Structure formats: C-alpha cells, structure tokens
Amino acid sequence: MCTDTATVKKSITHRCNRYLRPAIVESSWILIRKDPAMLMKYKQFCNKMDRNKAIIKIAKRLLARIRYVWLQQKEYVIGVV
C-alpha cells in the first residue's frame, strides 16, 4: 500500500455512447427541476465551478442513482441526499 495520498481527478471521459451521454445530461437538467436534493447539490457545485461542469457532476450522480435503482429493484425516491 502506498503511503502518499494520490489525488484522483474524475472527469467526463472520451469513451462514451454517443446516444446515451447527451440523454443523461439532458435528463440531469430536468432532474434539478424536479428533485430538490439534486438542485441543492447543483447550486453547491455552481458556487465552485461553471454551471455546465456542475451539470456533468449531477449527471454522474444521476447515473449512480440509475444503477442503484436498476440493481436493487427499488423505486427512485425524490429528495434523498
């Protein structure tokens, strides 16, 4: 195990599905209008960075939620932080 702490920079990659990526980003814009928890996170991100980069971070969170709903077979819950 390495003792120094490595900083991992996560960003959008060049490997993508050309149909899925724009759909997730567009869905993220709708998500921040419907889900107050995600709107709160979006506003926090906007204080630190450009709004287009903030929506990419929201898109990543949306993908994580989609994966959770899909694997756990549970309904999406609005307003969960």
PDB file of N, CA and C in Angstrom:
ATOM      1  N   MET A   1       0.847  -1.174   0.000  1.00  0.00           N
ATOM      2  CA  MET A   1       0.000   0.000   0.000  1.00  0.00           C
ATOM      3  C   MET A   1       0.889   1.231   0.000  1.00  0.00           C
ATOM      4  N   CYS A   2       0.577   2.153  -0.830  1.00  0.00           N
ATOM      5  CA  CYS A   2       1.360   3.379  -0.949  1.00  0.00           C
ATOM      6  C   CYS A   2       0.992   4.350   0.179  1.00  0.00           C
ATOM      7  N   THR A   3       1.991   4.993   0.744  1.00  0.00           N
ATOM      8  CA  THR A   3       1.729   5.884   1.871  1.00  0.00           C
ATOM      9  C   THR A   3       1.348   7.294   1.447  1.00  0.00           C
ATOM     10  N   ASP A   4       1.773   7.722   0.251  1.00  0.00           N
ATOM     11  CA  ASP A   4       1.400   9.073  -0.166  1.00  0.00           C
ATOM     12  C   ASP A   4      -0.020   9.065  -0.722  1.00  0.00           C
ATOM     13  N   THR A   5      -0.710  10.179  -0.534  1.00  0.00           N
ATOM     14  CA  THR A   5      -2.106  10.262  -0.971  1.00  0.00           C
ATOM     15  C   THR A   5      -2.143  10.789  -2.392  1.00  0.00           C
ATOM     16  N   ALA A   6      -2.690  10.012  -3.262  1.00  0.00           N
ATOM     17  CA  ALA A   6      -2.812  10.395  -4.663  1.00  0.00           C
ATOM     18  C   ALA A   6      -4.170  11.051  -4.883  1.00  0.00           C
ATOM     19  N   THR A   7      -4.169  12.125  -5.589  1.00  0.00           N
ATOM     20  CA  THR A   7      -5.411  12.810  -5.896  1.00  0.00           C
ATOM     21  C   THR A   7      -5.971  12.236  -7.190  1.00  0.00           C
ATOM     22  N   VAL A   8      -7.184  11.783  -7.133  1.00  0.00           N
ATOM     23  CA  VAL A   8      -7.836  11.228  -8.300  1.00  0.00           C
ATOM     24  C   VAL A   8      -8.765  12.289  -8.857  1.00  0.00           C
ATOM     25  N   LYS A   9      -8.514  12.676 -10.083  1.00  0.00           N
ATOM     26  CA  LYS A   9      -9.356  13.673 -10.726  1.00  0.00           C
ATOM     27  C   LYS A   9     -10.337  12.945 -11.635  1.00  0.00           C
ATOM     28  N   LYS A  10     -11.603  13.062 -11.311  1.00  0.00           N
ATOM     29  CA  LYS A  10     -12.628  12.397 -12.100  1.00  0.00           C
ATOM     30  C   LYS A  10     -13.273  13.426 -13.016  1.00  0.00           C
ATOM     31  N   SER A  11     -13.327  13.107 -14.269  1.00  0.00           N
ATOM     32  CA  SER A  11     -13.979  13.991 -15.222  1.00  0.00           C
ATOM     33  C   SER A  11     -14.656  13.135 -16.278  1.00  0.00           C
ATOM     34  N   ILE A  12     -15.354  13.776 -17.155  1.00  0.00           N
ATOM     35  CA  ILE A  12     -16.046  13.048 -18.204  1.00  0.00           C
ATOM     36  C   ILE A  12     -15.001  12.500 -19.184  1.00  0.00           C
ATOM     37  N   THR A  13     -15.150  11.254 -19.572  1.00  0.00           N
ATOM     38  CA  THR A  13     -14.154  10.612 -20.425  1.00  0.00           C
ATOM     39  C   THR A  13     -14.546  10.708 -21.884  1.00  0.00           C
ATOM     40  N   HIS A  14     -13.607  10.363 -22.746  1.00  0.00           N
ATOM     41  CA  HIS A  14     -13.876  10.376 -24.179  1.00  0.00           C
ATOM     42  C   HIS A  14     -14.590   9.106 -24.629  1.00  0.00           C
ATOM     43  N   ARG A  15     -14.503   8.067 -23.814  1.00  0.00           N
ATOM     44  CA  ARG A  15     -15.208   6.831 -24.147  1.00  0.00           C
ATOM     45  C   ARG A  15     -16.670   7.016 -23.773  1.00  0.00           C
ATOM     46  N   CYS A  16     -17.538   6.901 -24.727  1.00  0.00           N
ATOM     47  CA  CYS A  16     -18.947   7.132 -24.407  1.00  0.00           C
ATOM     48  C   CYS A  16     -19.846   6.518 -25.478  1.00  0.00           C
ATOM     49  N   ASN A  17     -21.085   6.424 -25.127  1.00  0.00           N
ATOM     50  CA  ASN A  17     -22.118   6.074 -26.074  1.00  0.00           C
ATOM     51  C   ASN A  17     -22.676   7.390 -26.602  1.00  0.00           C
ATOM     52  N   ARG A  18     -22.625   7.611 -27.889  1.00  0.00           N
ATOM     53  CA  ARG A  18     -22.987   8.914 -28.437  1.00  0.00           C
ATOM     54  C   ARG A  18     -24.473   9.227 -28.307  1.00  0.00           C
ATOM     55  N   TYR A  19     -25.282   8.258 -27.975  1.00  0.00           N
ATOM     56  CA  TYR A  19     -26.700   8.496 -27.756  1.00  0.00           C
ATOM     57  C   TYR A  19     -27.018   8.655 -26.273  1.00  0.00           C
ATOM     58  N   LEU A  20     -26.311   7.905 -25.455  1.00  0.00           N
ATOM     59  CA  LEU A  20     -26.615   7.881 -24.031  1.00  0.00           C
ATOM     60  C   LEU A  20     -26.113   9.123 -23.290  1.00  0.00           C
ATOM     61  N   ARG A  21     -24.916   9.590 -23.586  1.00  0.00           N
ATOM     62  CA  ARG A  21     -24.354  10.730 -22.867  1.00  0.00           C
ATOM     63  C   ARG A  21     -25.231  11.980 -22.975  1.00  0.00           C
ATOM     64  N   PRO A  22     -25.631  12.405 -24.173  1.00  0.00           N
ATOM     65  CA  PRO A  22     -26.497  13.595 -24.237  1.00  0.00           C
ATOM     66  C   PRO A  22     -27.847  13.382 -23.548  1.00  0.00           C
ATOM     67  N   ALA A  23     -28.352  12.158 -23.590  1.00  0.00           N
ATOM     68  CA  ALA A  23     -29.629  11.876 -22.936  1.00  0.00           C
ATOM     69  C   ALA A  23     -29.511  12.009 -21.425  1.00  0.00           C
ATOM     70  N   ILE A  24     -28.403  11.542 -20.852  1.00  0.00           N
ATOM     71  CA  ILE A  24     -28.197  11.650 -19.409  1.00  0.00           C
ATOM     72  C   ILE A  24     -28.011  13.106 -19.003  1.00  0.00           C
ATOM     73  N   VAL A  25     -27.280  13.875 -19.800  1.00  0.00           N
ATOM     74  CA  VAL A  25     -27.069  15.293 -19.480  1.00  0.00           C
ATOM     75  C   VAL A  25     -28.387  16.052 -19.556  1.00  0.00           C
ATOM     76  N   GLU A  26     -29.174  15.798 -20.585  1.00  0.00           N
ATOM     77  CA  GLU A  26     -30.484  16.458 -20.697  1.00  0.00           C
ATOM     78  C   GLU A  26     -31.400  16.038 -19.552  1.00  0.00           C
ATOM     79  N   SER A  27     -31.318  14.775 -19.163  1.00  0.00           N
ATOM     80  CA  SER A  27     -32.119  14.288 -18.035  1.00  0.00           C
ATOM     81  C   SER A  27     -31.692  14.959 -16.736  1.00  0.00           C
ATOM     82  N   SER A  28     -30.422  15.296 -16.637  1.00  0.00           N
ATOM     83  CA  SER A  28     -29.925  15.970 -15.436  1.00  0.00           C
ATOM     84  C   SER A  28     -30.507  17.371 -15.312  1.00  0.00           C
ATOM     85  N   TRP A  29     -30.667  18.062 -16.435  1.00  0.00           N
ATOM     86  CA  TRP A  29     -31.290  19.392 -16.390  1.00  0.00           C
ATOM     87  C   TRP A  29     -32.727  19.286 -15.890  1.00  0.00           C
ATOM     88  N   ILE A  30     -33.434  18.266 -16.302  1.00  0.00           N
ATOM     89  CA  ILE A  30     -34.805  18.069 -15.839  1.00  0.00           C
ATOM     90  C   ILE A  30     -34.811  17.636 -14.378  1.00  0.00           C
ATOM     91  N   LEU A  31     -33.836  16.799 -14.012  1.00  0.00           N
ATOM     92  CA  LEU A  31     -33.743  16.302 -12.643  1.00  0.00           C
ATOM     93  C   LEU A  31     -33.597  17.436 -11.636  1.00  0.00           C
ATOM     94  N   ILE A  32     -32.785  18.437 -11.944  1.00  0.00           N
ATOM     95  CA  ILE A  32     -32.599  19.518 -10.973  1.00  0.00           C
ATOM     96  C   ILE A  32     -33.855  20.369 -10.835  1.00  0.00           C
ATOM     97  N   ARG A  33     -34.750  20.291 -11.806  1.00  0.00           N
ATOM     98  CA  ARG A  33     -36.033  20.996 -11.662  1.00  0.00           C
ATOM     99  C   ARG A  33     -37.021  20.211 -10.816  1.00  0.00           C
ATOM    100  N   LYS A  34     -36.899  18.884 -10.810  1.00  0.00           N
ATOM    101  CA  LYS A  34     -37.877  18.032 -10.130  1.00  0.00           C
ATOM    102  C   LYS A  34     -37.436  17.567  -8.740  1.00  0.00           C
ATOM    103  N   ASP A  35     -36.136  17.406  -8.532  1.00  0.00           N
ATOM    104  CA  ASP A  35     -35.621  16.826  -7.292  1.00  0.00           C
ATOM    105  C   ASP A  35     -34.913  17.911  -6.470  1.00  0.00           C
ATOM    106  N   PRO A  36     -35.470  18.296  -5.320  1.00  0.00           N
ATOM    107  CA  PRO A  36     -34.863  19.373  -4.533  1.00  0.00           C
ATOM    108  C   PRO A  36     -33.476  19.039  -3.989  1.00  0.00           C
ATOM    109  N   ALA A  37     -33.200  17.781  -3.711  1.00  0.00           N
ATOM    110  CA  ALA A  37     -31.882  17.393  -3.204  1.00  0.00           C
ATOM    111  C   ALA A  37     -30.816  17.591  -4.282  1.00  0.00           C
ATOM    112  N   MET A  38     -31.147  17.229  -5.501  1.00  0.00           N
ATOM    113  CA  MET A  38     -30.187  17.403  -6.590  1.00  0.00           C
ATOM    114  C   MET A  38     -30.033  18.880  -6.960  1.00  0.00           C
ATOM    115  N   LEU A  39     -31.092  19.649  -6.821  1.00  0.00           N
ATOM    116  CA  LEU A  39     -30.996  21.090  -7.051  1.00  0.00           C
ATOM    117  C   LEU A  39     -30.053  21.723  -6.036  1.00  0.00           C
ATOM    118  N   MET A  40     -30.128  21.268  -4.795  1.00  0.00           N
ATOM    119  CA  MET A  40     -29.242  21.775  -3.751  1.00  0.00           C
ATOM    120  C   MET A  40     -27.780  21.454  -4.088  1.00  0.00           C
ATOM    121  N   LYS A  41     -27.505  20.219  -4.521  1.00  0.00           N
ATOM    122  CA  LYS A  41     -26.145  19.844  -4.902  1.00  0.00           C
ATOM    123  C   LYS A  41     -25.676  20.645  -6.119  1.00  0.00           C
ATOM    124  N   TYR A  42     -26.569  20.861  -7.069  1.00  0.00           N
ATOM    125  CA  TYR A  42     -26.228  21.633  -8.268  1.00  0.00           C
ATOM    126  C   TYR A  42     -25.823  23.054  -7.883  1.00  0.00           C
ATOM    127  N   LYS A  43     -26.563  23.667  -6.969  1.00  0.00           N
ATOM    128  CA  LYS A  43     -26.231  25.020  -6.534  1.00  0.00           C
ATOM    129  C   LYS A  43     -24.892  25.052  -5.797  1.00  0.00           C
ATOM    130  N   GLN A  44     -24.605  24.017  -5.020  1.00  0.00           N
ATOM    131  CA  GLN A  44     -23.307  23.933  -4.344  1.00  0.00           C
ATOM    132  C   GLN A  44     -22.181  23.824  -5.367  1.00  0.00           C
ATOM    133  N   PHE A  45     -22.383  23.014  -6.389  1.00  0.00           N
ATOM    134  CA  PHE A  45     -21.373  22.868  -7.426  1.00  0.00           C
ATOM    135  C   PHE A  45     -21.199  24.167  -8.209  1.00  0.00           C
ATOM    136  N   CYS A  46     -22.297  24.883  -8.455  1.00  0.00           N
ATOM    137  CA  CYS A  46     -22.235  26.132  -9.217  1.00  0.00           C
ATOM    138  C   CYS A  46     -21.447  27.208  -8.473  1.00  0.00           C
ATOM    139  N   ASN A  47     -21.400  27.133  -7.147  1.00  0.00           N
ATOM    140  CA  ASN A  47     -20.596  28.085  -6.394  1.00  0.00           C
ATOM    141  C   ASN A  47     -19.107  27.864  -6.626  1.00  0.00           C
ATOM    142  N   LYS A  48     -18.729  26.641  -6.981  1.00  0.00           N
ATOM    143  CA  LYS A  48     -17.321  26.291  -7.155  1.00  0.00           C
ATOM    144  C   LYS A  48     -16.869  26.316  -8.609  1.00  0.00           C
ATOM    145  N   MET A  49     -17.794  26.109  -9.551  1.00  0.00           N
ATOM    146  CA  MET A  49     -17.395  25.915 -10.942  1.00  0.00           C
ATOM    147  C   MET A  49     -18.461  26.439 -11.897  1.00  0.00           C
ATOM    148  N   ASP A  50     -18.175  26.324 -13.171  1.00  0.00           N
ATOM    149  CA  ASP A  50     -19.096  26.710 -14.235  1.00  0.00           C
ATOM    150  C   ASP A  50     -20.336  25.819 -14.189  1.00  0.00           C
ATOM    151  N   ARG A  51     -21.483  26.357 -14.593  1.00  0.00           N
ATOM    152  CA  ARG A  51     -22.724  25.594 -14.486  1.00  0.00           C
ATOM    153  C   ARG A  51     -22.755  24.388 -15.408  1.00  0.00           C
ATOM    154  N   ASN A  52     -22.052  24.447 -16.542  1.00  0.00           N
ATOM    155  CA  ASN A  52     -22.017  23.286 -17.434  1.00  0.00           C
ATOM    156  C   ASN A  52     -21.195  22.144 -16.838  1.00  0.00           C
ATOM    157  N   LYS A  53     -20.143  22.466 -16.110  1.00  0.00           N
ATOM    158  CA  LYS A  53     -19.372  21.423 -15.437  1.00  0.00           C
ATOM    159  C   LYS A  53     -20.156  20.864 -14.251  1.00  0.00           C
ATOM    160  N   ALA A  54     -20.934  21.738 -13.615  1.00  0.00           N
ATOM    161  CA  ALA A  54     -21.752  21.293 -12.489  1.00  0.00           C
ATOM    162  C   ALA A  54     -22.816  20.297 -12.953  1.00  0.00           C
ATOM    163  N   ILE A  55     -23.389  20.526 -14.120  1.00  0.00           N
ATOM    164  CA  ILE A  55     -24.427  19.607 -14.601  1.00  0.00           C
ATOM    165  C   ILE A  55     -23.816  18.253 -14.965  1.00  0.00           C
ATOM    166  N   ILE A  56     -22.546  18.226 -15.353  1.00  0.00           N
ATOM    167  CA  ILE A  56     -21.871  16.951 -15.612  1.00  0.00           C
ATOM    168  C   ILE A  56     -21.731  16.168 -14.312  1.00  0.00           C
ATOM    169  N   LYS A  57     -21.415  16.861 -13.223  1.00  0.00           N
ATOM    170  CA  LYS A  57     -21.339  16.192 -11.916  1.00  0.00           C
ATOM    171  C   LYS A  57     -22.705  15.660 -11.505  1.00  0.00           C
ATOM    172  N   ILE A  58     -23.758  16.414 -11.791  1.00  0.00           N
ATOM    173  CA  ILE A  58     -25.118  15.946 -11.494  1.00  0.00           C
ATOM    174  C   ILE A  58     -25.440  14.736 -12.360  1.00  0.00           C
ATOM    175  N   ALA A  59     -24.988  14.739 -13.611  1.00  0.00           N
ATOM    176  CA  ALA A  59     -25.223  13.595 -14.495  1.00  0.00           C
ATOM    177  C   ALA A  59     -24.555  12.340 -13.947  1.00  0.00           C
ATOM    178  N   LYS A  60     -23.351  12.492 -13.379  1.00  0.00           N
ATOM    179  CA  LYS A  60     -22.674  11.342 -12.772  1.00  0.00           C
ATOM    180  C   LYS A  60     -23.470  10.817 -11.586  1.00  0.00           C
ATOM    181  N   ARG A  61     -24.008  11.729 -10.787  1.00  0.00           N
ATOM    182  CA  ARG A  61     -24.817  11.305  -9.641  1.00  0.00           C
ATOM    183  C   ARG A  61     -26.102  10.627 -10.122  1.00  0.00           C
ATOM    184  N   LEU A  62     -26.679  11.144 -11.198  1.00  0.00           N
ATOM    185  CA  LEU A  62     -27.878  10.524 -11.755  1.00  0.00           C
ATOM    186  C   LEU A  62     -27.566   9.103 -12.225  1.00  0.00           C
ATOM    187  N   LEU A  63     -26.434   8.914 -12.876  1.00  0.00           N
ATOM    188  CA  LEU A  63     -26.055   7.567 -13.318  1.00  0.00           C
ATOM    189  C   LEU A  63     -25.888   6.619 -12.145  1.00  0.00           C
ATOM    190  N   ALA A  64     -25.312   7.113 -11.055  1.00  0.00           N
ATOM    191  CA  ALA A  64     -25.163   6.273  -9.865  1.00  0.00           C
ATOM    192  C   ALA A  64     -26.532   5.892  -9.309  1.00  0.00           C
ATOM    193  N   ARG A  65     -27.457   6.843  -9.335  1.00  0.00           N
ATOM    194  CA  ARG A  65     -28.811   6.546  -8.843  1.00  0.00           C
ATOM    195  C   ARG A  65     -29.536   5.577  -9.767  1.00  0.00           C
ATOM    196  N   ILE A  66     -29.360   5.750 -11.065  1.00  0.00           N
ATOM    197  CA  ILE A  66     -29.979   4.831 -12.027  1.00  0.00           C
ATOM    198  C   ILE A  66     -29.455   3.415 -11.801  1.00  0.00           C
ATOM    199  N   ARG A  67     -28.143   3.310 -11.600  1.00  0.00           N
ATOM    200  CA  ARG A  67     -27.542   1.998 -11.364  1.00  0.00           C
ATOM    201  C   ARG A  67     -28.087   1.371 -10.087  1.00  0.00           C
ATOM    202  N   TYR A  68     -28.220   2.162  -9.021  1.00  0.00           N
ATOM    203  CA  TYR A  68     -28.749   1.654  -7.760  1.00  0.00           C
ATOM    204  C   TYR A  68     -30.185   1.157  -7.932  1.00  0.00           C
ATOM    205  N   VAL A  69     -31.012   1.947  -8.588  1.00  0.00           N
ATOM    206  CA  VAL A  69     -32.414   1.569  -8.806  1.00  0.00           C
ATOM    207  C   VAL A  69     -32.492   0.294  -9.634  1.00  0.00           C
ATOM    208  N   TRP A  70     -31.645   0.206 -10.637  1.00  0.00           N
ATOM    209  CA  TRP A  70     -31.657  -0.954 -11.521  1.00  0.00           C
ATOM    210  C   TRP A  70     -31.214  -2.218 -10.786  1.00  0.00           C
ATOM    211  N   LEU A  71     -30.130  -2.127 -10.041  1.00  0.00           N
ATOM    212  CA  LEU A  71     -29.599  -3.325  -9.379  1.00  0.00           C
ATOM    213  C   LEU A  71     -30.420  -3.737  -8.158  1.00  0.00           C
ATOM    214  N   GLN A  72     -30.917  -2.779  -7.406  1.00  0.00           N
ATOM    215  CA  GLN A  72     -31.659  -3.089  -6.184  1.00  0.00           C
ATOM    216  C   GLN A  72     -33.153  -3.313  -6.428  1.00  0.00           C
ATOM    217  N   GLN A  73     -33.626  -3.009  -7.630  1.00  0.00           N
ATOM    218  CA  GLN A  73     -35.037  -3.163  -7.987  1.00  0.00           C
ATOM    219  C   GLN A  73     -35.932  -2.363  -7.031  1.00  0.00           C
ATOM    220  N   LYS A  74     -35.517  -1.128  -6.734  1.00  0.00           N
ATOM    221  CA  LYS A  74     -36.298  -0.241  -5.879  1.00  0.00           C
ATOM    222  C   LYS A  74     -36.709   0.973  -6.690  1.00  0.00           C
ATOM    223  N   GLU A  75     -37.746   1.649  -6.237  1.00  0.00           N
ATOM    224  CA  GLU A  75     -38.196   2.856  -6.933  1.00  0.00           C
ATOM    225  C   GLU A  75     -37.309   4.025  -6.592  1.00  0.00           C
ATOM    226  N   TYR A  76     -37.218   4.977  -7.527  1.00  0.00           N
ATOM    227  CA  TYR A  76     -36.446   6.199  -7.296  1.00  0.00           C
ATOM    228  C   TYR A  76     -37.178   7.051  -6.287  1.00  0.00           C
ATOM    229  N   VAL A  77     -36.446   7.547  -5.300  1.00  0.00           N
ATOM    230  CA  VAL A  77     -37.029   8.375  -4.259  1.00  0.00           C
ATOM    231  C   VAL A  77     -36.549   9.809  -4.455  1.00  0.00           C
ATOM    232  N   ILE A  78     -37.478  10.719  -4.629  1.00  0.00           N
ATOM    233  CA  ILE A  78     -37.147  12.128  -4.829  1.00  0.00           C
ATOM    234  C   ILE A  78     -36.800  12.764  -3.490  1.00  0.00           C
ATOM    235  N   GLY A  79     -35.756  13.594  -3.475  1.00  0.00           N
ATOM    236  CA  GLY A  79     -35.413  14.358  -2.286  1.00  0.00           C
ATOM    237  C   GLY A  79     -34.437  13.689  -1.343  1.00  0.00           C
ATOM    238  N   VAL A  80     -33.844  12.571  -1.733  1.00  0.00           N
ATOM    239  CA  VAL A  80     -32.870  11.895  -0.886  1.00  0.00           C
ATOM    240  C   VAL A  80     -31.503  12.471  -1.201  1.00  0.00           C
ATOM    241  N   VAL A  81     -30.790  12.872  -0.160  1.00  0.00           N
ATOM    242  CA  VAL A  81     -29.471  13.489  -0.356  1.00  0.00           C
ATOM    243  C   VAL A  81     -28.411  12.434  -0.533  1.00  0.00           C
TER     244      VAL A  81
END
